[in-house]
């Protein structure tokens, strides 16, 4: 199962280094069990969202470690992926950025035909591959 981390320290800016790298069961440590992708999102002082993600384990991702040590923000959203559906690609790796918002989820979204019928054109920005199986490990 994927792992999801969120931190809000508003109004203070903080670092998430402990939870992402240093804690006994940090997100980086958990990525040994969930190795199919990692991502970290946060916001600048002016509210501009930033995101780095890659379809590799957090413990192998140098950018994840550097950002976890250096970035200060009031909000963090991090994710490590254990793929159940969708290929091991950036477009299937969390978090997602759309219209200044960061989003991640844990689990499989089912009933996609019904969801697509309901969303209509609003489905167009979604980039993941919901119908493919995860690549073999």
Protein backbone atom coordinates (compact mmCIF):
# COMPACT_ATOMS: atom_id res chain seq x y z
CA UNK A 1 0.00 0.00 0.00
CA UNK A 2 1.21 3.52 -0.74
CA UNK A 3 2.20 5.89 2.02
CA UNK A 4 1.03 9.48 2.20
CA UNK A 5 2.47 12.28 4.36
CA UNK A 6 0.99 15.71 4.95
CA UNK A 7 2.23 18.50 7.20
CA UNK A 8 0.79 21.92 7.87
CA UNK A 9 2.68 24.29 10.16
CA UNK A 10 0.86 27.49 9.21
CA UNK A 11 1.71 30.27 9.89
CA UNK A 12 5.28 29.11 10.63
CA UNK A 13 7.56 27.79 7.90
CA UNK A 14 9.32 24.58 8.86
CA UNK A 15 11.28 21.67 7.44
CA UNK A 16 9.91 18.13 7.18
CA UNK A 17 13.35 16.48 7.35
CA UNK A 18 12.63 14.40 10.45
CA UNK A 19 9.49 12.74 9.08
CA UNK A 20 10.79 12.33 5.54
CA UNK A 21 14.35 11.16 6.27
CA UNK A 22 15.33 10.83 9.94
CA UNK A 23 12.44 9.21 11.83
CA UNK A 24 12.76 5.47 12.57
CA UNK A 25 9.94 4.78 10.07
CA UNK A 26 10.49 7.83 7.84
CA UNK A 27 8.93 8.04 4.41
CA UNK A 28 12.34 7.31 2.89
CA UNK A 29 12.64 4.17 5.03
CA UNK A 30 9.11 3.09 4.12
CA UNK A 31 10.04 3.38 0.43
CA UNK A 32 12.06 0.18 0.80
CA UNK A 33 8.63 -1.50 1.01
CA UNK A 34 6.90 0.92 -1.40
CA UNK A 35 9.57 1.40 -4.11
CA UNK A 36 7.51 2.36 -7.17
CA UNK A 37 7.61 6.13 -6.96
CA UNK A 38 8.18 9.12 -4.75
CA UNK A 39 7.07 12.70 -4.71
CA UNK A 40 7.30 15.82 -2.57
CA UNK A 41 5.22 18.94 -2.95
CA UNK A 42 5.37 22.21 -1.03
CA UNK A 43 4.65 25.94 -1.37
CA UNK A 44 6.91 29.02 -1.54
CA UNK A 45 6.37 32.12 0.61
CA UNK A 46 4.09 33.58 -2.06
CA UNK A 47 1.98 30.40 -2.33
CA UNK A 48 3.58 29.08 -5.52
CA UNK A 49 3.44 25.27 -5.50
CA UNK A 50 6.52 23.19 -6.25
CA UNK A 51 6.71 19.50 -6.82
CA UNK A 52 9.34 16.88 -7.58
CA UNK A 53 8.38 13.31 -8.33
CA UNK A 54 9.99 10.30 -9.94
CA UNK A 55 8.99 6.67 -10.53
CA UNK A 56 11.77 5.41 -8.22
CA UNK A 57 12.04 4.71 -4.50
CA UNK A 58 12.54 7.72 -2.20
CA UNK A 59 15.70 6.19 -0.74
CA UNK A 60 17.19 6.20 -4.28
CA UNK A 61 16.02 9.72 -5.19
CA UNK A 62 18.71 12.32 -4.50
CA UNK A 63 16.32 15.22 -5.22
CA UNK A 64 13.86 13.91 -2.62
CA UNK A 65 16.60 13.84 0.02
CA UNK A 66 17.96 17.28 -0.90
CA UNK A 67 14.52 18.90 -0.80
CA UNK A 68 13.62 17.12 2.45
CA UNK A 69 16.74 18.66 4.05
CA UNK A 70 16.60 22.15 2.55
CA UNK A 71 13.02 23.19 1.80
CA UNK A 72 11.04 25.28 4.26
CA UNK A 73 7.29 25.58 3.80
CA UNK A 74 4.04 25.85 5.72
CA UNK A 75 2.65 22.84 3.84
CA UNK A 76 4.20 19.59 2.65
CA UNK A 77 2.62 16.72 0.74
CA UNK A 78 4.75 13.63 0.16
CA UNK A 79 3.98 10.19 -1.20
CA UNK A 80 5.72 6.88 -1.75
CA UNK A 81 4.05 4.50 -4.17
CA UNK A 82 3.44 0.78 -4.22
CA UNK A 83 1.87 0.37 -7.65
CA UNK A 84 -1.28 -1.67 -7.90
CA UNK A 85 -2.38 -0.22 -11.24
CA UNK A 86 -0.70 2.04 -13.76
CA UNK A 87 2.79 1.76 -15.14
CA UNK A 88 5.85 3.03 -13.29
CA UNK A 89 5.86 6.44 -14.94
CA UNK A 90 6.00 10.05 -13.75
CA UNK A 91 2.38 10.61 -14.78
CA UNK A 92 1.27 7.90 -12.34
CA UNK A 93 3.46 9.18 -9.50
CA UNK A 94 2.05 11.42 -6.75
CA UNK A 95 1.54 14.18 -5.86
CA UNK A 96 -0.26 15.83 -8.73
CA UNK A 97 -0.29 19.56 -9.45
CA UNK A 98 -3.24 21.29 -11.05
CA UNK A 99 -4.33 24.93 -10.98
CA UNK A 100 -2.05 25.80 -8.06
CA UNK A 101 -3.18 22.84 -5.95
CA UNK A 102 -1.34 19.70 -4.87
CA UNK A 103 -3.20 16.41 -4.60
CA UNK A 104 -2.37 12.80 -3.72
CA UNK A 105 -4.46 9.79 -2.83
CA UNK A 106 -3.96 6.36 -1.38
CA UNK A 107 -5.64 3.39 -3.01
CA UNK A 108 -7.31 2.58 -6.30
CA UNK A 109 -10.06 4.74 -7.74
CA UNK A 110 -12.72 2.40 -9.11
CA UNK A 111 -15.76 3.00 -11.29
CA UNK A 112 -13.75 5.03 -13.77
CA UNK A 113 -16.33 4.73 -16.56
CA UNK A 114 -18.99 6.27 -14.30
CA UNK A 115 -16.53 8.92 -13.12
CA UNK A 116 -15.53 9.84 -16.66
CA UNK A 117 -19.20 10.10 -17.69
CA UNK A 118 -19.85 12.43 -14.75
CA UNK A 119 -16.77 14.60 -15.33
CA UNK A 120 -17.05 14.91 -19.09
CA UNK A 121 -14.52 17.49 -20.36
CA UNK A 122 -13.28 18.09 -16.80
CA UNK A 123 -11.57 14.66 -17.06
CA UNK A 124 -9.13 15.99 -19.69
CA UNK A 125 -6.46 17.32 -17.23
CA UNK A 126 -6.12 13.90 -15.56
CA UNK A 127 -2.93 12.29 -16.87
CA UNK A 128 -2.62 8.92 -15.12
CA UNK A 129 -3.11 5.54 -16.78
CA UNK A 130 -5.95 3.98 -14.78
CA UNK A 131 -6.48 0.80 -16.81
CA UNK A 132 -2.99 -0.66 -17.03
CA UNK A 133 -1.45 -3.12 -14.62
CA UNK A 134 1.64 -2.20 -12.64
CA UNK A 135 4.90 -3.18 -14.28
CA UNK A 136 6.55 -6.26 -12.91
CA UNK A 137 9.00 -5.72 -10.10
